[in-house]
């Protein structure tokens, strides 16, 4: 008899199959307003090339000085 495989997968198994990514593996950019790094978000998937600011607050105050 062969041992049965576990029904539950570990996070590492899921990442290896490409179904999930770890937070550290996501692409990052630097905010044009505050200069802080920010990571990719699912809601930006289709417009990632156009995203320049880390938050709505930075986008609204884009004429401000970078820290």
PDB file of N, CA and C in Angstrom:
ATOM      1  N   UNK A   1       0.820  -1.184   0.000  1.00  0.00           N
ATOM      2  CA  UNK A   1       0.000   0.000   0.000  1.00  0.00           C
ATOM      3  C   UNK A   1       0.864   1.247   0.000  1.00  0.00           C
ATOM      4  N   UNK A   2       0.402   2.258  -0.726  1.00  0.00           N
ATOM      5  CA  UNK A   2       1.115   3.531  -0.764  1.00  0.00           C
ATOM      6  C   UNK A   2       0.535   4.477   0.279  1.00  0.00           C
ATOM      7  N   UNK A   3       1.394   5.281   0.902  1.00  0.00           N
ATOM      8  CA  UNK A   3       0.879   6.253   1.870  1.00  0.00           C
ATOM      9  C   UNK A   3       0.044   7.320   1.169  1.00  0.00           C
ATOM     10  N   UNK A   4      -1.049   7.705   1.795  1.00  0.00           N
ATOM     11  CA  UNK A   4      -1.921   8.728   1.209  1.00  0.00           C
ATOM     12  C   UNK A   4      -1.297  10.101   1.368  1.00  0.00           C
ATOM     13  N   UNK A   5      -1.500  10.943   0.360  1.00  0.00           N
ATOM     14  CA  UNK A   5      -1.003  12.312   0.428  1.00  0.00           C
ATOM     15  C   UNK A   5      -1.921  13.141   1.302  1.00  0.00           C
ATOM     16  N   UNK A   6      -1.364  14.096   1.951  1.00  0.00           N
ATOM     17  CA  UNK A   6      -2.147  14.981   2.802  1.00  0.00           C
ATOM     18  C   UNK A   6      -3.101  15.806   1.946  1.00  0.00           C
ATOM     19  N   UNK A   7      -4.303  15.961   2.409  1.00  0.00           N
ATOM     20  CA  UNK A   7      -5.305  16.740   1.686  1.00  0.00           C
ATOM     21  C   UNK A   7      -4.974  18.224   1.769  1.00  0.00           C
ATOM     22  N   UNK A   8      -4.441  18.647   2.896  1.00  0.00           N
ATOM     23  CA  UNK A   8      -4.111  20.053   3.086  1.00  0.00           C
ATOM     24  C   UNK A   8      -2.717  20.333   2.541  1.00  0.00           C
ATOM     25  N   UNK A   9      -2.580  21.418   1.830  1.00  0.00           N
ATOM     26  CA  UNK A   9      -1.291  21.818   1.288  1.00  0.00           C
ATOM     27  C   UNK A   9      -0.676  22.886   2.171  1.00  0.00           C
ATOM     28  N   UNK A  10       0.626  22.948   2.169  1.00  0.00           N
ATOM     29  CA  UNK A  10       1.304  24.003   2.912  1.00  0.00           C
ATOM     30  C   UNK A  10       1.440  25.219   2.017  1.00  0.00           C
ATOM     31  N   UNK A  11       1.736  26.348   2.609  1.00  0.00           N
ATOM     32  CA  UNK A  11       1.892  27.584   1.838  1.00  0.00           C
ATOM     33  C   UNK A  11       3.017  27.453   0.816  1.00  0.00           C
ATOM     34  N   UNK A  12       4.066  26.754   1.173  1.00  0.00           N
ATOM     35  CA  UNK A  12       5.181  26.557   0.252  1.00  0.00           C
ATOM     36  C   UNK A  12       4.781  25.757  -0.977  1.00  0.00           C
ATOM     37  N   UNK A  13       3.937  24.743  -0.774  1.00  0.00           N
ATOM     38  CA  UNK A  13       3.463  23.940  -1.902  1.00  0.00           C
ATOM     39  C   UNK A  13       2.636  24.773  -2.862  1.00  0.00           C
ATOM     40  N   UNK A  14       1.773  25.617  -2.319  1.00  0.00           N
ATOM     41  CA  UNK A  14       0.917  26.451  -3.157  1.00  0.00           C
ATOM     42  C   UNK A  14       1.769  27.428  -3.947  1.00  0.00           C
ATOM     43  N   UNK A  15       2.754  28.049  -3.301  1.00  0.00           N
ATOM     44  CA  UNK A  15       3.623  29.009  -3.986  1.00  0.00           C
ATOM     45  C   UNK A  15       4.436  28.315  -5.081  1.00  0.00           C
ATOM     46  N   UNK A  16       4.856  27.096  -4.825  1.00  0.00           N
ATOM     47  CA  UNK A  16       5.640  26.364  -5.814  1.00  0.00           C
ATOM     48  C   UNK A  16       4.817  26.047  -7.054  1.00  0.00           C
ATOM     49  N   UNK A  17       3.519  25.860  -6.881  1.00  0.00           N
ATOM     50  CA  UNK A  17       2.654  25.566  -8.017  1.00  0.00           C
ATOM     51  C   UNK A  17       2.202  26.819  -8.745  1.00  0.00           C
ATOM     52  N   UNK A  18       2.533  27.992  -8.210  1.00  0.00           N
ATOM     53  CA  UNK A  18       2.186  29.224  -8.892  1.00  0.00           C
ATOM     54  C   UNK A  18       0.810  29.766  -8.580  1.00  0.00           C
ATOM     55  N   UNK A  19       0.147  29.224  -7.591  1.00  0.00           N
ATOM     56  CA  UNK A  19      -1.197  29.693  -7.274  1.00  0.00           C
ATOM     57  C   UNK A  19      -1.188  30.863  -6.296  1.00  0.00           C
ATOM     58  N   UNK A  20      -0.107  31.051  -5.597  1.00  0.00           N
ATOM     59  CA  UNK A  20      -0.010  32.149  -4.628  1.00  0.00           C
ATOM     60  C   UNK A  20       1.417  32.663  -4.625  1.00  0.00           C
ATOM     61  N   UNK A  21       1.553  33.913  -4.235  1.00  0.00           N
ATOM     62  CA  UNK A  21       2.891  34.502  -4.129  1.00  0.00           C
ATOM     63  C   UNK A  21       3.073  35.012  -2.712  1.00  0.00           C
ATOM     64  N   UNK A  22       4.281  34.959  -2.280  1.00  0.00           N
ATOM     65  CA  UNK A  22       4.582  35.544  -0.984  1.00  0.00           C
ATOM     66  C   UNK A  22       4.700  37.041  -1.154  1.00  0.00           C
ATOM     67  N   UNK A  23       4.444  37.768  -0.087  1.00  0.00           N
ATOM     68  CA  UNK A  23       4.452  39.221  -0.138  1.00  0.00           C
ATOM     69  C   UNK A  23       5.808  39.766  -0.594  1.00  0.00           C
ATOM     70  N   UNK A  24       6.883  39.114  -0.197  1.00  0.00           N
ATOM     71  CA  UNK A  24       8.221  39.544  -0.571  1.00  0.00           C
ATOM     72  C   UNK A  24       8.536  39.340  -2.043  1.00  0.00           C
ATOM     73  N   UNK A  25       7.771  38.494  -2.711  1.00  0.00           N
ATOM     74  CA  UNK A  25       8.008  38.201  -4.127  1.00  0.00           C
ATOM     75  C   UNK A  25       7.254  39.139  -5.062  1.00  0.00           C
ATOM     76  N   UNK A  26       6.398  40.001  -4.520  1.00  0.00           N
ATOM     77  CA  UNK A  26       5.607  40.900  -5.353  1.00  0.00           C
ATOM     78  C   UNK A  26       6.471  42.055  -5.867  1.00  0.00           C
ATOM     79  N   UNK A  27       6.170  42.572  -7.059  1.00  0.00           N
ATOM     80  CA  UNK A  27       6.927  43.709  -7.578  1.00  0.00           C
ATOM     81  C   UNK A  27       6.696  44.950  -6.729  1.00  0.00           C
ATOM     82  N   UNK A  28       7.703  45.810  -6.675  1.00  0.00           N
ATOM     83  CA  UNK A  28       7.608  47.039  -5.899  1.00  0.00           C
ATOM     84  C   UNK A  28       7.934  48.240  -6.763  1.00  0.00           C
ATOM     85  N   UNK A  29       7.407  49.389  -6.345  1.00  0.00           N
ATOM     86  CA  UNK A  29       7.716  50.680  -6.963  1.00  0.00           C
ATOM     87  C   UNK A  29       7.962  51.673  -5.842  1.00  0.00           C
ATOM     88  N   UNK A  30       8.493  52.834  -6.191  1.00  0.00           N
ATOM     89  CA  UNK A  30       8.678  53.908  -5.234  1.00  0.00           C
ATOM     90  C   UNK A  30       7.651  54.991  -5.522  1.00  0.00           C
ATOM     91  N   UNK A  31       6.991  55.479  -4.488  1.00  0.00           N
ATOM     92  CA  UNK A  31       5.957  56.493  -4.633  1.00  0.00           C
ATOM     93  C   UNK A  31       6.574  57.793  -5.135  1.00  0.00           C
ATOM     94  N   UNK A  32       5.938  58.408  -6.124  1.00  0.00           N
ATOM     95  CA  UNK A  32       6.444  59.646  -6.714  1.00  0.00           C
ATOM     96  C   UNK A  32       6.299  60.834  -5.767  1.00  0.00           C
ATOM     97  N   UNK A  33       5.416  60.728  -4.777  1.00  0.00           N
ATOM     98  CA  UNK A  33       5.192  61.835  -3.855  1.00  0.00           C
ATOM     99  C   UNK A  33       6.023  61.708  -2.584  1.00  0.00           C
ATOM    100  N   UNK A  34       5.887  60.581  -1.888  1.00  0.00           N
ATOM    101  CA  UNK A  34       6.555  60.445  -0.589  1.00  0.00           C
ATOM    102  C   UNK A  34       7.880  59.699  -0.666  1.00  0.00           C
ATOM    103  N   UNK A  35       8.138  58.998  -1.753  1.00  0.00           N
ATOM    104  CA  UNK A  35       9.405  58.292  -1.915  1.00  0.00           C
ATOM    105  C   UNK A  35       9.479  56.944  -1.218  1.00  0.00           C
ATOM    106  N   UNK A  36       8.396  56.495  -0.630  1.00  0.00           N
ATOM    107  CA  UNK A  36       8.391  55.201   0.054  1.00  0.00           C
ATOM    108  C   UNK A  36       8.100  54.074  -0.929  1.00  0.00           C
ATOM    109  N   UNK A  37       8.647  52.890  -0.679  1.00  0.00           N
ATOM    110  CA  UNK A  37       8.344  51.758  -1.555  1.00  0.00           C
ATOM    111  C   UNK A  37       6.946  51.215  -1.268  1.00  0.00           C
ATOM    112  N   UNK A  38       6.274  50.753  -2.313  1.00  0.00           N
ATOM    113  CA  UNK A  38       4.976  50.108  -2.141  1.00  0.00           C
ATOM    114  C   UNK A  38       4.894  48.922  -3.085  1.00  0.00           C
ATOM    115  N   UNK A  39       4.137  47.917  -2.661  1.00  0.00           N
ATOM    116  CA  UNK A  39       4.051  46.652  -3.394  1.00  0.00           C
ATOM    117  C   UNK A  39       2.810  46.589  -4.265  1.00  0.00           C
ATOM    118  N   UNK A  40       2.872  45.698  -5.241  1.00  0.00           N
ATOM    119  CA  UNK A  40       1.779  45.428  -6.171  1.00  0.00           C
ATOM    120  C   UNK A  40       0.542  44.997  -5.402  1.00  0.00           C
ATOM    121  N   UNK A  41      -0.622  45.440  -5.891  1.00  0.00           N
ATOM    122  CA  UNK A  41      -1.909  45.013  -5.336  1.00  0.00           C
ATOM    123  C   UNK A  41      -2.754  44.443  -6.461  1.00  0.00           C
ATOM    124  N   UNK A  42      -3.597  43.523  -6.109  1.00  0.00           N
ATOM    125  CA  UNK A  42      -4.428  42.861  -7.121  1.00  0.00           C
ATOM    126  C   UNK A  42      -5.287  43.857  -7.887  1.00  0.00           C
ATOM    127  N   UNK A  43      -5.793  44.899  -7.218  1.00  0.00           N
ATOM    128  CA  UNK A  43      -6.654  45.863  -7.905  1.00  0.00           C
ATOM    129  C   UNK A  43      -5.880  46.685  -8.933  1.00  0.00           C
ATOM    130  N   UNK A  44      -4.540  46.678  -8.850  1.00  0.00           N
ATOM    131  CA  UNK A  44      -3.706  47.403  -9.820  1.00  0.00           C
ATOM    132  C   UNK A  44      -3.189  46.485 -10.931  1.00  0.00           C
ATOM    133  N   UNK A  45      -3.637  45.259 -10.984  1.00  0.00           N
ATOM    134  CA  UNK A  45      -3.098  44.277 -11.924  1.00  0.00           C
ATOM    135  C   UNK A  45      -3.143  44.756 -13.378  1.00  0.00           C
ATOM    136  N   UNK A  46      -4.223  45.387 -13.780  1.00  0.00           N
ATOM    137  CA  UNK A  46      -4.362  45.796 -15.183  1.00  0.00           C
ATOM    138  C   UNK A  46      -3.697  47.138 -15.477  1.00  0.00           C
ATOM    139  N   UNK A  47      -3.412  47.936 -14.438  1.00  0.00           N
ATOM    140  CA  UNK A  47      -2.856  49.280 -14.652  1.00  0.00           C
ATOM    141  C   UNK A  47      -1.533  49.489 -13.909  1.00  0.00           C
ATOM    142  N   UNK A  48      -0.832  48.412 -13.594  1.00  0.00           N
ATOM    143  CA  UNK A  48       0.394  48.508 -12.793  1.00  0.00           C
ATOM    144  C   UNK A  48       1.421  49.463 -13.416  1.00  0.00           C
ATOM    145  N   UNK A  49       1.516  49.507 -14.729  1.00  0.00           N
ATOM    146  CA  UNK A  49       2.479  50.393 -15.390  1.00  0.00           C
ATOM    147  C   UNK A  49       2.136  51.867 -15.188  1.00  0.00           C
ATOM    148  N   UNK A  50       0.879  52.174 -14.925  1.00  0.00           N
ATOM    149  CA  UNK A  50       0.432  53.557 -14.761  1.00  0.00           C
ATOM    150  C   UNK A  50       0.443  54.022 -13.299  1.00  0.00           C
ATOM    151  N   UNK A  51       0.531  53.098 -12.352  1.00  0.00           N
ATOM    152  CA  UNK A  51       0.489  53.443 -10.933  1.00  0.00           C
ATOM    153  C   UNK A  51       1.776  54.155 -10.542  1.00  0.00           C
ATOM    154  N   UNK A  52       1.631  55.344  -9.918  1.00  0.00           N
ATOM    155  CA  UNK A  52       2.798  56.128  -9.518  1.00  0.00           C
ATOM    156  C   UNK A  52       2.806  56.478  -8.038  1.00  0.00           C
ATOM    157  N   UNK A  53       1.644  56.382  -7.390  1.00  0.00           N
ATOM    158  CA  UNK A  53       1.516  56.812  -6.004  1.00  0.00           C
ATOM    159  C   UNK A  53       1.052  55.654  -5.131  1.00  0.00           C
ATOM    160  N   UNK A  54       1.502  55.642  -3.877  1.00  0.00           N
ATOM    161  CA  UNK A  54       1.205  54.529  -2.976  1.00  0.00           C
ATOM    162  C   UNK A  54      -0.200  54.593  -2.389  1.00  0.00           C
ATOM    163  N   UNK A  55      -0.811  55.762  -2.383  1.00  0.00           N
ATOM    164  CA  UNK A  55      -2.127  55.899  -1.760  1.00  0.00           C
ATOM    165  C   UNK A  55      -2.887  57.065  -2.387  1.00  0.00           C
ATOM    166  N   UNK A  56      -4.168  57.138  -2.064  1.00  0.00           N
ATOM    167  CA  UNK A  56      -4.975  58.266  -2.534  1.00  0.00           C
ATOM    168  C   UNK A  56      -4.465  59.574  -1.934  1.00  0.00           C
ATOM    169  N   UNK A  57      -4.020  59.514  -0.701  1.00  0.00           N
ATOM    170  CA  UNK A  57      -3.495  60.719  -0.051  1.00  0.00           C
ATOM    171  C   UNK A  57      -2.295  61.278  -0.818  1.00  0.00           C
ATOM    172  N   UNK A  58      -1.373  60.418  -1.211  1.00  0.00           N
ATOM    173  CA  UNK A  58      -0.205  60.863  -1.989  1.00  0.00           C
ATOM    174  C   UNK A  58      -0.626  61.356  -3.374  1.00  0.00           C
ATOM    175  N   UNK A  59      -1.597  60.681  -3.959  1.00  0.00           N
ATOM    176  CA  UNK A  59      -2.066  61.096  -5.284  1.00  0.00           C
ATOM    177  C   UNK A  59      -2.692  62.489  -5.231  1.00  0.00           C
ATOM    178  N   UNK A  60      -3.481  62.760  -4.187  1.00  0.00           N
ATOM    179  CA  UNK A  60      -4.114  64.074  -4.035  1.00  0.00           C
ATOM    180  C   UNK A  60      -3.096  65.173  -3.750  1.00  0.00           C
ATOM    181  N   UNK A  61      -2.037  64.849  -3.017  1.00  0.00           N
ATOM    182  CA  UNK A  61      -1.041  65.854  -2.659  1.00  0.00           C
ATOM    183  C   UNK A  61       0.221  65.720  -3.501  1.00  0.00           C
ATOM    184  N   UNK A  62       0.068  65.311  -4.751  1.00  0.00           N
ATOM    185  CA  UNK A  62       1.228  65.055  -5.609  1.00  0.00           C
ATOM    186  C   UNK A  62       2.081  66.287  -5.877  1.00  0.00           C
ATOM    187  N   UNK A  63       1.545  67.479  -5.651  1.00  0.00           N
ATOM    188  CA  UNK A  63       2.327  68.693  -5.843  1.00  0.00           C
ATOM    189  C   UNK A  63       3.223  68.993  -4.648  1.00  0.00           C
ATOM    190  N   UNK A  64       3.110  68.173  -3.600  1.00  0.00           N
ATOM    191  CA  UNK A  64       3.913  68.356  -2.390  1.00  0.00           C
ATOM    192  C   UNK A  64       5.357  67.963  -2.620  1.00  0.00           C
ATOM    193  N   UNK A  65       6.170  68.223  -1.627  1.00  0.00           N
ATOM    194  CA  UNK A  65       7.597  67.933  -1.702  1.00  0.00           C
ATOM    195  C   UNK A  65       7.847  66.516  -1.210  1.00  0.00           C
ATOM    196  N   UNK A  66       8.715  65.788  -1.875  1.00  0.00           N
ATOM    197  CA  UNK A  66       9.080  64.445  -1.443  1.00  0.00           C
ATOM    198  C   UNK A  66       9.899  64.541  -0.163  1.00  0.00           C
ATOM    199  N   UNK A  67       9.716  63.541   0.723  1.00  0.00           N
ATOM    200  CA  UNK A  67      10.430  63.551   2.006  1.00  0.00           C
ATOM    201  C   UNK A  67      11.877  63.227   1.844  1.00  0.00           C
TER     202      UNK A  67
END
